[in-house]
Amino acid sequence: MSYPLPMLINHEREKLIEAVKFFAQNTRKLGKTKLFKLLYFLDFTHFKDTGRPVTGLEYFAWPMGPVPTDLFEELKRPERDWDGNCSFEFFSTAKGQMLRVEALSEFDSSHFSKRELRIMHSLADQFKNSDAEQMVEETHLENLPWHQIYEVEGRKQESIPYRMAVRRQEEGAVMSLAADRAELVATLRK
């Protein structure tokens, strides 16, 4: 008799699931658009500080702002690792199909560094009562990566490189910090 193999979950995937739970438990009106913007701010803010994102999602410049397209597609048919963690309920409104995100279990902070948790708490406090339209406005501000790619460069639907979170004069220092950290982690794993 064969048994299904358990799904292998990497550390970034665990962080993604836990971050979604965190935002579902600490903000109001969490739908798809608001969730995508919170994850974008989490990843790009952390990258700006450390040279690495939290969730590892890739974001694309869509008309309503940055969208992690892999997660966008997955929410239509969530993977099994969401079971018991989050629910994604689609419902109809006057504005069309909407998604409601709810946490089904308690957030586990052990997956995150103090810096990551600080960023998450700051974002939850800042955007606790914001709706999707307000979140879209925040990502469209001038000089932010989405604005540069979509509006200035006209590269609609294209990937938003994380390095755009860092000012050019700081890029070398941040990337050096990320390389040093990666080297340290590789050494510790030996």
N, C-alpha and C. Protein backbone atom coordinates (compact mmCIF):
# COMPACT_ATOMS: atom_id res chain seq x y z
N MET A 1 0.85 -1.18 0.00
CA MET A 1 0.00 0.00 0.00
C MET A 1 0.90 1.24 0.00
N SER A 2 0.58 2.19 -0.85
CA SER A 2 1.39 3.42 -0.88
C SER A 2 0.63 4.55 -0.20
N TYR A 3 1.39 5.40 0.42
CA TYR A 3 0.83 6.56 1.11
C TYR A 3 1.29 7.82 0.40
N PRO A 4 0.44 8.85 0.37
CA PRO A 4 0.88 10.09 -0.28
C PRO A 4 2.06 10.68 0.50
N LEU A 5 3.01 11.18 -0.23
CA LEU A 5 4.16 11.82 0.40
C LEU A 5 3.75 13.15 1.00
N PRO A 6 4.27 13.48 2.18
CA PRO A 6 3.94 14.79 2.74
C PRO A 6 4.57 15.89 1.89
N MET A 7 3.89 17.00 1.82
CA MET A 7 4.40 18.12 1.05
C MET A 7 5.63 18.69 1.75
N LEU A 8 6.70 18.85 1.02
CA LEU A 8 7.89 19.48 1.58
C LEU A 8 7.68 20.99 1.59
N ILE A 9 7.92 21.59 2.72
CA ILE A 9 7.71 23.03 2.84
C ILE A 9 9.03 23.69 3.16
N ASN A 10 9.42 24.68 2.36
CA ASN A 10 10.67 25.38 2.65
C ASN A 10 10.41 26.53 3.62
N HIS A 11 11.48 27.09 4.12
CA HIS A 11 11.37 28.13 5.14
C HIS A 11 10.61 29.37 4.63
N GLU A 12 10.85 29.78 3.39
CA GLU A 12 10.13 30.93 2.84
C GLU A 12 8.63 30.64 2.75
N ARG A 13 8.28 29.43 2.41
CA ARG A 13 6.86 29.05 2.31
C ARG A 13 6.21 29.10 3.70
N GLU A 14 6.92 28.59 4.72
CA GLU A 14 6.41 28.67 6.09
C GLU A 14 6.20 30.13 6.49
N LYS A 15 7.15 30.97 6.13
CA LYS A 15 7.03 32.39 6.46
C LYS A 15 5.85 33.03 5.74
N LEU A 16 5.63 32.66 4.49
CA LEU A 16 4.50 33.19 3.75
C LEU A 16 3.19 32.82 4.45
N ILE A 17 3.02 31.56 4.77
CA ILE A 17 1.79 31.11 5.42
C ILE A 17 1.61 31.83 6.75
N GLU A 18 2.65 31.91 7.54
CA GLU A 18 2.55 32.57 8.85
C GLU A 18 2.31 34.07 8.69
N ALA A 19 2.92 34.71 7.69
CA ALA A 19 2.69 36.15 7.47
C ALA A 19 1.24 36.41 7.09
N VAL A 20 0.67 35.54 6.26
CA VAL A 20 -0.74 35.70 5.89
C VAL A 20 -1.61 35.56 7.14
N LYS A 21 -1.31 34.57 7.98
CA LYS A 21 -2.06 34.41 9.24
C LYS A 21 -1.92 35.66 10.10
N PHE A 22 -0.70 36.18 10.21
CA PHE A 22 -0.47 37.37 11.03
C PHE A 22 -1.33 38.53 10.55
N PHE A 23 -1.31 38.81 9.25
CA PHE A 23 -2.08 39.94 8.72
C PHE A 23 -3.58 39.69 8.85
N ALA A 24 -4.01 38.44 8.71
CA ALA A 24 -5.43 38.12 8.88
C ALA A 24 -5.87 38.36 10.32
N GLN A 25 -4.99 38.12 11.27
CA GLN A 25 -5.33 38.29 12.69
C GLN A 25 -5.15 39.72 13.18
N ASN A 26 -4.36 40.53 12.46
CA ASN A 26 -4.00 41.85 12.97
C ASN A 26 -4.45 43.03 12.12
N THR A 27 -5.23 42.76 11.07
CA THR A 27 -5.81 43.84 10.28
C THR A 27 -7.27 43.53 10.02
N ARG A 28 -8.00 44.53 9.57
CA ARG A 28 -9.41 44.36 9.22
C ARG A 28 -9.55 44.36 7.70
N LYS A 29 -10.62 43.79 7.22
CA LYS A 29 -10.94 43.81 5.78
C LYS A 29 -9.80 43.24 4.93
N LEU A 30 -9.27 42.08 5.34
CA LEU A 30 -8.16 41.51 4.58
C LEU A 30 -8.69 40.70 3.40
N GLY A 31 -8.51 41.27 2.24
CA GLY A 31 -8.85 40.60 1.00
C GLY A 31 -7.58 40.42 0.18
N LYS A 32 -7.76 40.02 -1.06
CA LYS A 32 -6.62 39.73 -1.92
C LYS A 32 -5.74 40.96 -2.15
N THR A 33 -6.32 42.08 -2.50
CA THR A 33 -5.54 43.27 -2.80
C THR A 33 -4.76 43.76 -1.58
N LYS A 34 -5.43 43.86 -0.46
CA LYS A 34 -4.75 44.32 0.75
C LYS A 34 -3.65 43.34 1.15
N LEU A 35 -3.93 42.06 1.07
CA LEU A 35 -2.92 41.05 1.40
C LEU A 35 -1.69 41.20 0.51
N PHE A 36 -1.89 41.32 -0.79
CA PHE A 36 -0.76 41.44 -1.71
C PHE A 36 0.09 42.67 -1.39
N LYS A 37 -0.56 43.77 -1.04
CA LYS A 37 0.18 45.00 -0.75
C LYS A 37 0.96 44.87 0.57
N LEU A 38 0.35 44.24 1.57
CA LEU A 38 1.06 44.04 2.84
C LEU A 38 2.28 43.15 2.66
N LEU A 39 2.13 42.08 1.89
CA LEU A 39 3.27 41.20 1.64
C LEU A 39 4.36 41.93 0.85
N TYR A 40 3.95 42.74 -0.12
CA TYR A 40 4.90 43.54 -0.90
C TYR A 40 5.69 44.47 0.01
N PHE A 41 4.99 45.20 0.87
CA PHE A 41 5.68 46.12 1.78
C PHE A 41 6.60 45.35 2.74
N LEU A 42 6.16 44.21 3.22
CA LEU A 42 7.00 43.38 4.10
C LEU A 42 8.28 42.97 3.38
N ASP A 43 8.14 42.40 2.19
CA ASP A 43 9.30 41.91 1.46
C ASP A 43 10.24 43.04 1.04
N PHE A 44 9.70 44.12 0.50
CA PHE A 44 10.56 45.20 0.00
C PHE A 44 11.19 46.00 1.14
N THR A 45 10.47 46.18 2.24
CA THR A 45 11.06 46.87 3.39
C THR A 45 12.20 46.05 3.97
N HIS A 46 11.98 44.75 4.12
CA HIS A 46 13.02 43.89 4.67
C HIS A 46 14.22 43.83 3.72
N PHE A 47 13.95 43.76 2.42
CA PHE A 47 15.04 43.74 1.45
C PHE A 47 15.86 45.02 1.54
N LYS A 48 15.19 46.14 1.69
CA LYS A 48 15.89 47.43 1.79
C LYS A 48 16.86 47.43 2.97
N ASP A 49 16.45 46.77 4.07
CA ASP A 49 17.28 46.74 5.27
C ASP A 49 18.38 45.68 5.22
N THR A 50 18.10 44.55 4.55
CA THR A 50 19.00 43.39 4.67
C THR A 50 19.51 42.81 3.36
N GLY A 51 18.88 43.17 2.24
CA GLY A 51 19.28 42.58 0.97
C GLY A 51 18.59 41.26 0.68
N ARG A 52 17.57 40.91 1.47
CA ARG A 52 16.81 39.68 1.20
C ARG A 52 15.35 39.87 1.59
N PRO A 53 14.43 39.29 0.80
CA PRO A 53 13.00 39.38 1.14
C PRO A 53 12.65 38.39 2.23
N VAL A 54 11.44 38.48 2.73
CA VAL A 54 10.96 37.57 3.78
C VAL A 54 10.32 36.33 3.15
N THR A 55 9.41 36.52 2.20
CA THR A 55 8.64 35.40 1.65
C THR A 55 9.23 34.82 0.38
N GLY A 56 10.06 35.58 -0.31
CA GLY A 56 10.63 35.11 -1.57
C GLY A 56 9.69 35.22 -2.75
N LEU A 57 8.53 35.84 -2.57
CA LEU A 57 7.59 36.02 -3.67
C LEU A 57 8.18 36.96 -4.72
N GLU A 58 7.79 36.76 -5.96
CA GLU A 58 8.17 37.68 -7.04
C GLU A 58 6.93 38.52 -7.36
N TYR A 59 7.11 39.84 -7.41
CA TYR A 59 6.00 40.77 -7.63
C TYR A 59 6.08 41.35 -9.04
N PHE A 60 4.90 41.56 -9.63
CA PHE A 60 4.81 42.09 -10.98
C PHE A 60 3.99 43.38 -10.96
N ALA A 61 4.31 44.29 -11.87
CA ALA A 61 3.67 45.60 -11.94
C ALA A 61 2.36 45.51 -12.72
N TRP A 62 1.27 45.30 -11.98
CA TRP A 62 -0.06 45.26 -12.56
C TRP A 62 -0.71 46.62 -12.36
N PRO A 63 -1.81 46.91 -13.08
CA PRO A 63 -2.43 48.24 -12.99
C PRO A 63 -2.79 48.67 -11.57
N MET A 64 -3.22 47.74 -10.71
CA MET A 64 -3.61 48.10 -9.35
C MET A 64 -2.46 48.04 -8.36
N GLY A 65 -1.24 47.84 -8.86
CA GLY A 65 -0.07 47.80 -7.99
C GLY A 65 0.68 46.49 -8.12
N PRO A 66 1.63 46.26 -7.20
CA PRO A 66 2.43 45.04 -7.25
C PRO A 66 1.61 43.81 -6.89
N VAL A 67 1.78 42.75 -7.68
CA VAL A 67 1.03 41.51 -7.46
C VAL A 67 1.99 40.32 -7.50
N PRO A 68 1.97 39.48 -6.44
CA PRO A 68 2.74 38.23 -6.50
C PRO A 68 1.93 37.22 -7.33
N THR A 69 2.24 37.12 -8.60
CA THR A 69 1.37 36.38 -9.53
C THR A 69 1.25 34.90 -9.17
N ASP A 70 2.29 34.29 -8.64
CA ASP A 70 2.18 32.88 -8.25
C ASP A 70 1.13 32.70 -7.16
N LEU A 71 1.15 33.59 -6.16
CA LEU A 71 0.16 33.51 -5.09
C LEU A 71 -1.24 33.87 -5.63
N PHE A 72 -1.30 34.84 -6.52
CA PHE A 72 -2.57 35.22 -7.16
C PHE A 72 -3.23 33.98 -7.78
N GLU A 73 -2.45 33.22 -8.54
CA GLU A 73 -2.98 32.02 -9.19
C GLU A 73 -3.29 30.94 -8.16
N GLU A 74 -2.43 30.78 -7.17
CA GLU A 74 -2.64 29.73 -6.17
C GLU A 74 -3.92 29.92 -5.37
N LEU A 75 -4.30 31.16 -5.12
CA LEU A 75 -5.49 31.41 -4.30
C LEU A 75 -6.76 30.88 -4.95
N LYS A 76 -6.72 30.64 -6.25
CA LYS A 76 -7.87 30.04 -6.93
C LYS A 76 -8.04 28.58 -6.53
N ARG A 77 -6.91 27.92 -6.27
CA ARG A 77 -6.89 26.52 -5.81
C ARG A 77 -5.73 26.38 -4.83
N PRO A 78 -5.95 26.77 -3.57
CA PRO A 78 -4.86 26.76 -2.59
C PRO A 78 -4.24 25.38 -2.38
N GLU A 79 -2.93 25.38 -2.18
CA GLU A 79 -2.20 24.15 -1.87
C GLU A 79 -2.68 23.61 -0.52
N ARG A 80 -2.38 22.34 -0.27
CA ARG A 80 -2.82 21.68 0.97
C ARG A 80 -2.20 22.29 2.22
N ASP A 81 -1.04 22.92 2.10
CA ASP A 81 -0.40 23.45 3.30
C ASP A 81 -1.15 24.65 3.89
N TRP A 82 -2.14 25.17 3.18
CA TRP A 82 -2.99 26.22 3.74
C TRP A 82 -4.05 25.63 4.67
N ASP A 83 -4.37 24.33 4.48
CA ASP A 83 -5.40 23.68 5.30
C ASP A 83 -5.06 23.82 6.78
N GLY A 84 -6.03 24.26 7.55
CA GLY A 84 -5.82 24.45 8.98
C GLY A 84 -5.09 25.73 9.33
N ASN A 85 -4.58 26.43 8.33
CA ASN A 85 -3.86 27.68 8.56
C ASN A 85 -4.68 28.90 8.17
N CYS A 86 -5.20 28.88 6.95
CA CYS A 86 -5.97 30.03 6.43
C CYS A 86 -7.10 29.54 5.54
N SER A 87 -8.15 30.34 5.50
CA SER A 87 -9.22 30.06 4.53
C SER A 87 -9.30 31.24 3.57
N PHE A 88 -9.62 30.93 2.34
CA PHE A 88 -9.76 31.93 1.29
C PHE A 88 -11.16 31.76 0.71
N GLU A 89 -12.05 32.66 1.06
CA GLU A 89 -13.45 32.54 0.67
C GLU A 89 -13.79 33.62 -0.36
N PHE A 90 -14.20 33.19 -1.54
CA PHE A 90 -14.66 34.12 -2.57
C PHE A 90 -16.15 34.37 -2.39
N PHE A 91 -16.56 35.62 -2.55
CA PHE A 91 -17.97 35.95 -2.46
C PHE A 91 -18.27 37.10 -3.42
N SER A 92 -19.54 37.25 -3.78
CA SER A 92 -19.94 38.27 -4.75
C SER A 92 -20.37 39.55 -4.04
N THR A 93 -19.97 40.68 -4.62
CA THR A 93 -20.39 41.99 -4.12
C THR A 93 -20.80 42.84 -5.33
N ALA A 94 -21.25 44.04 -5.07
CA ALA A 94 -21.62 44.95 -6.15
C ALA A 94 -20.41 45.27 -7.02
N LYS A 95 -19.20 45.19 -6.45
CA LYS A 95 -17.97 45.47 -7.20
C LYS A 95 -17.41 44.24 -7.90
N GLY A 96 -18.05 43.08 -7.73
CA GLY A 96 -17.58 41.85 -8.36
C GLY A 96 -17.11 40.82 -7.33
N GLN A 97 -16.35 39.84 -7.79
CA GLN A 97 -15.84 38.78 -6.91
C GLN A 97 -14.81 39.36 -5.95
N MET A 98 -14.98 39.06 -4.67
CA MET A 98 -14.04 39.50 -3.65
C MET A 98 -13.54 38.26 -2.91
N LEU A 99 -12.41 38.42 -2.26
CA LEU A 99 -11.83 37.34 -1.47
C LEU A 99 -11.70 37.79 -0.03
N ARG A 100 -12.09 36.93 0.87
CA ARG A 100 -11.91 37.18 2.31
C ARG A 100 -10.89 36.18 2.82
N VAL A 101 -9.85 36.69 3.50
CA VAL A 101 -8.80 35.85 4.06
C VAL A 101 -8.98 35.78 5.57
N GLU A 102 -9.01 34.57 6.10
CA GLU A 102 -9.16 34.39 7.55
C GLU A 102 -8.12 33.39 8.04
N ALA A 103 -7.58 33.66 9.23
CA ALA A 103 -6.66 32.73 9.87
C ALA A 103 -7.46 31.65 10.58
N LEU A 104 -7.00 30.41 10.48
CA LEU A 104 -7.68 29.28 11.11
C LEU A 104 -6.91 28.75 12.32
N SER A 105 -5.69 29.24 12.50
CA SER A 105 -4.88 28.82 13.64
C SER A 105 -4.05 30.02 14.10
N GLU A 106 -3.45 29.89 15.26
CA GLU A 106 -2.67 30.99 15.82
C GLU A 106 -1.38 31.21 15.04
N PHE A 107 -0.99 32.45 14.93
CA PHE A 107 0.26 32.85 14.31
C PHE A 107 1.43 32.31 15.12
N ASP A 108 2.45 31.79 14.43
CA ASP A 108 3.65 31.26 15.06
C ASP A 108 4.82 32.18 14.74
N SER A 109 5.22 32.98 15.72
CA SER A 109 6.28 33.98 15.50
C SER A 109 7.67 33.37 15.41
N SER A 110 7.82 32.08 15.74
CA SER A 110 9.15 31.47 15.78
C SER A 110 9.84 31.41 14.41
N HIS A 111 9.10 31.60 13.34
CA HIS A 111 9.68 31.55 12.00
C HIS A 111 10.37 32.85 11.60
N PHE A 112 10.22 33.90 12.41
CA PHE A 112 10.66 35.24 12.02
C PHE A 112 11.73 35.80 12.93
N SER A 113 12.55 36.67 12.33
CA SER A 113 13.54 37.40 13.11
C SER A 113 12.84 38.58 13.82
N LYS A 114 13.53 39.19 14.74
CA LYS A 114 12.98 40.35 15.43
C LYS A 114 12.70 41.47 14.43
N ARG A 115 13.58 41.67 13.47
CA ARG A 115 13.39 42.70 12.45
C ARG A 115 12.14 42.43 11.63
N GLU A 116 11.97 41.18 11.20
CA GLU A 116 10.79 40.81 10.40
C GLU A 116 9.51 41.05 11.19
N LEU A 117 9.51 40.65 12.46
CA LEU A 117 8.33 40.86 13.31
C LEU A 117 8.05 42.34 13.51
N ARG A 118 9.09 43.13 13.69
CA ARG A 118 8.93 44.57 13.86
C ARG A 118 8.28 45.19 12.61
N ILE A 119 8.74 44.78 11.43
CA ILE A 119 8.16 45.29 10.18
C ILE A 119 6.69 44.87 10.07
N MET A 120 6.40 43.61 10.37
CA MET A 120 5.02 43.12 10.29
C MET A 120 4.10 43.88 11.23
N HIS A 121 4.54 44.09 12.47
CA HIS A 121 3.72 44.83 13.43
C HIS A 121 3.51 46.27 12.97
N SER A 122 4.55 46.88 12.44
CA SER A 122 4.45 48.25 11.96
C SER A 122 3.44 48.35 10.81
N LEU A 123 3.52 47.42 9.87
CA LEU A 123 2.58 47.42 8.74
C LEU A 123 1.15 47.17 9.21
N ALA A 124 0.97 46.23 10.13
CA ALA A 124 -0.37 45.94 10.64
C ALA A 124 -0.95 47.16 11.35
N ASP A 125 -0.13 47.85 12.13
CA ASP A 125 -0.59 49.06 12.81
C ASP A 125 -0.94 50.16 11.81
N GLN A 126 -0.06 50.37 10.84
CA GLN A 126 -0.26 51.43 9.85
C GLN A 126 -1.49 51.20 8.98
N PHE A 127 -1.73 49.94 8.60
CA PHE A 127 -2.79 49.65 7.63
C PHE A 127 -3.95 48.85 8.23
N LYS A 128 -4.05 48.81 9.53
CA LYS A 128 -5.06 48.00 10.22
C LYS A 128 -6.46 48.19 9.64
N ASN A 129 -6.88 49.43 9.46
CA ASN A 129 -8.24 49.72 9.01
C ASN A 129 -8.33 50.15 7.54
N SER A 130 -7.22 50.07 6.82
CA SER A 130 -7.21 50.49 5.41
C SER A 130 -7.99 49.50 4.56
N ASP A 131 -8.61 50.02 3.51
CA ASP A 131 -9.28 49.13 2.56
C ASP A 131 -8.39 48.96 1.33
N ALA A 132 -8.85 48.18 0.38
CA ALA A 132 -8.05 47.87 -0.80
C ALA A 132 -7.65 49.12 -1.58
N GLU A 133 -8.59 50.06 -1.73
CA GLU A 133 -8.29 51.27 -2.50
C GLU A 133 -7.17 52.09 -1.84
N GLN A 134 -7.21 52.19 -0.53
CA GLN A 134 -6.15 52.92 0.18
C GLN A 134 -4.80 52.21 0.02
N MET A 135 -4.81 50.90 0.03
CA MET A 135 -3.57 50.14 -0.14
C MET A 135 -3.00 50.35 -1.54
N VAL A 136 -3.87 50.39 -2.53
CA VAL A 136 -3.42 50.62 -3.91
C VAL A 136 -2.74 51.98 -3.99
N GLU A 137 -3.36 53.00 -3.39
CA GLU A 137 -2.78 54.34 -3.40
C GLU A 137 -1.38 54.35 -2.79
N GLU A 138 -1.19 53.62 -1.71
CA GLU A 138 0.12 53.57 -1.03
C GLU A 138 1.20 52.99 -1.93
N THR A 139 0.86 51.99 -2.73
CA THR A 139 1.89 51.37 -3.59
C THR A 139 2.15 52.18 -4.85
N HIS A 140 1.29 53.14 -5.15
CA HIS A 140 1.44 53.93 -6.37
C HIS A 140 2.20 55.23 -6.14
N LEU A 141 2.68 55.47 -4.93
CA LEU A 141 3.40 56.71 -4.64
C LEU A 141 4.64 56.83 -5.51
N GLU A 142 4.96 58.07 -5.89
CA GLU A 142 6.14 58.32 -6.70
C GLU A 142 7.39 57.82 -6.00
N ASN A 143 8.34 57.41 -6.78
CA ASN A 143 9.65 56.93 -6.32
C ASN A 143 9.62 55.54 -5.68
N LEU A 144 8.47 54.91 -5.57
CA LEU A 144 8.43 53.53 -5.11
C LEU A 144 8.62 52.61 -6.31
N PRO A 145 9.07 51.37 -6.08
CA PRO A 145 9.38 50.47 -7.20
C PRO A 145 8.25 50.27 -8.21
N TRP A 146 6.99 50.08 -7.75
CA TRP A 146 5.90 49.88 -8.71
C TRP A 146 5.78 51.08 -9.63
N HIS A 147 5.81 52.28 -9.08
CA HIS A 147 5.68 53.50 -9.87
C HIS A 147 6.79 53.61 -10.91
N GLN A 148 8.00 53.29 -10.50
CA GLN A 148 9.15 53.36 -11.41
C GLN A 148 8.97 52.40 -12.59
N ILE A 149 8.60 51.15 -12.28
CA ILE A 149 8.46 50.15 -13.35
C ILE A 149 7.24 50.43 -14.22
N TYR A 150 6.08 50.66 -13.60
CA TYR A 150 4.83 50.76 -14.34
C TYR A 150 4.66 52.11 -15.02
N GLU A 151 4.83 53.18 -14.26
CA GLU A 151 4.57 54.52 -14.79
C GLU A 151 5.76 55.12 -15.53
N VAL A 152 6.92 55.13 -14.90
CA VAL A 152 8.09 55.81 -15.47
C VAL A 152 8.66 55.01 -16.63
N GLU A 153 8.92 53.73 -16.42
CA GLU A 153 9.54 52.91 -17.45
C GLU A 153 8.53 52.26 -18.40
N GLY A 154 7.25 52.29 -18.05
CA GLY A 154 6.22 51.72 -18.91
C GLY A 154 6.31 50.21 -19.07
N ARG A 155 6.92 49.53 -18.11
CA ARG A 155 7.08 48.08 -18.19
C ARG A 155 5.93 47.39 -17.46
N LYS A 156 4.74 47.57 -17.99
CA LYS A 156 3.52 47.02 -17.39
C LYS A 156 3.55 45.49 -17.40
N GLN A 157 3.07 44.91 -16.31
CA GLN A 157 3.00 43.46 -16.10
C GLN A 157 4.38 42.82 -15.89
N GLU A 158 5.44 43.59 -15.83
CA GLU A 158 6.78 43.01 -15.68
C GLU A 158 7.18 42.90 -14.22
N SER A 159 8.19 42.09 -13.99
CA SER A 159 8.70 41.86 -12.64
C SER A 159 9.28 43.14 -12.04
N ILE A 160 9.07 43.31 -10.74
CA ILE A 160 9.63 44.45 -10.01
C ILE A 160 10.84 43.92 -9.24
N PRO A 161 12.04 44.29 -9.67
CA PRO A 161 13.24 43.77 -8.99
C PRO A 161 13.35 44.30 -7.55
N TYR A 162 13.71 43.41 -6.64
CA TYR A 162 13.86 43.81 -5.25
C TYR A 162 14.89 44.92 -5.08
N ARG A 163 15.93 44.90 -5.90
CA ARG A 163 16.99 45.90 -5.75
C ARG A 163 16.46 47.32 -5.88
N MET A 164 15.26 47.48 -6.45
CA MET A 164 14.69 48.82 -6.58
C MET A 164 14.24 49.39 -5.23
N ALA A 165 14.19 48.55 -4.20
CA ALA A 165 13.84 49.03 -2.86
C ALA A 165 14.98 49.81 -2.24
N VAL A 166 16.17 49.63 -2.80
CA VAL A 166 17.37 50.25 -2.24
C VAL A 166 17.80 51.42 -3.11
N ARG A 167 18.11 52.53 -2.47
CA ARG A 167 18.62 53.66 -3.24
C ARG A 167 19.96 53.28 -3.85
N ARG A 168 20.25 53.79 -5.04
CA ARG A 168 21.45 53.40 -5.77
C ARG A 168 22.72 53.56 -4.94
N GLN A 169 22.80 54.65 -4.17
CA GLN A 169 24.01 54.87 -3.39
C GLN A 169 24.15 53.89 -2.22
N GLU A 170 23.06 53.20 -1.85
CA GLU A 170 23.09 52.23 -0.75
C GLU A 170 23.16 50.79 -1.25
N GLU A 171 22.98 50.58 -2.55
CA GLU A 171 22.86 49.24 -3.10
C GLU A 171 24.06 48.36 -2.79
N GLY A 172 25.26 48.88 -2.95
CA GLY A 172 26.47 48.09 -2.70
C GLY A 172 26.54 47.61 -1.26
N ALA A 173 26.24 48.49 -0.32
CA ALA A 173 26.31 48.13 1.10
C ALA A 173 25.27 47.07 1.45
N VAL A 174 24.04 47.23 0.97
CA VAL A 174 22.98 46.27 1.28
C VAL A 174 23.29 44.92 0.66
N MET A 175 23.75 44.90 -0.58
CA MET A 175 24.04 43.64 -1.24
C MET A 175 25.24 42.95 -0.60
N SER A 176 26.20 43.71 -0.14
CA SER A 176 27.35 43.15 0.57
C SER A 176 26.89 42.51 1.88
N LEU A 177 26.00 43.18 2.58
CA LEU A 177 25.44 42.64 3.82
C LEU A 177 24.73 41.32 3.55
N ALA A 178 23.95 41.25 2.48
CA ALA A 178 23.23 40.02 2.13
C ALA A 178 24.21 38.90 1.77
N ALA A 179 25.26 39.22 1.04
CA ALA A 179 26.26 38.21 0.67
C ALA A 179 26.99 37.69 1.91
N ASP A 180 27.34 38.59 2.83
CA ASP A 180 28.01 38.17 4.07
C ASP A 180 27.12 37.24 4.87
N ARG A 181 25.83 37.56 4.93
CA ARG A 181 24.89 36.72 5.67
C ARG A 181 24.76 35.35 5.02
N ALA A 182 24.67 35.32 3.70
CA ALA A 182 24.55 34.05 2.99
C ALA A 182 25.80 33.19 3.21
N GLU A 183 26.95 33.81 3.21
CA GLU A 183 28.20 33.08 3.46
C GLU A 183 28.23 32.52 4.87
N LEU A 184 27.77 33.29 5.85
CA LEU A 184 27.71 32.84 7.23
C LEU A 184 26.76 31.65 7.38
N VAL A 185 25.61 31.73 6.76
CA VAL A 185 24.64 30.63 6.82
C VAL A 185 25.21 29.38 6.18
N ALA A 186 25.89 29.51 5.05
CA ALA A 186 26.50 28.35 4.37
C ALA A 186 27.57 27.73 5.26
N THR A 187 28.36 28.54 5.93
CA THR A 187 29.40 28.04 6.82
C THR A 187 28.81 27.29 8.00
N LEU A 188 27.73 27.83 8.57
CA LEU A 188 27.08 27.20 9.71
C LEU A 188 26.44 25.86 9.35
N ARG A 189 26.03 25.71 8.11
CA ARG A 189 25.38 24.46 7.68
C ARG A 189 26.36 23.34 7.43
N LYS A 190 27.65 23.67 7.30
CA LYS A 190 28.67 22.65 7.01
C LYS A 190 28.92 21.77 8.20
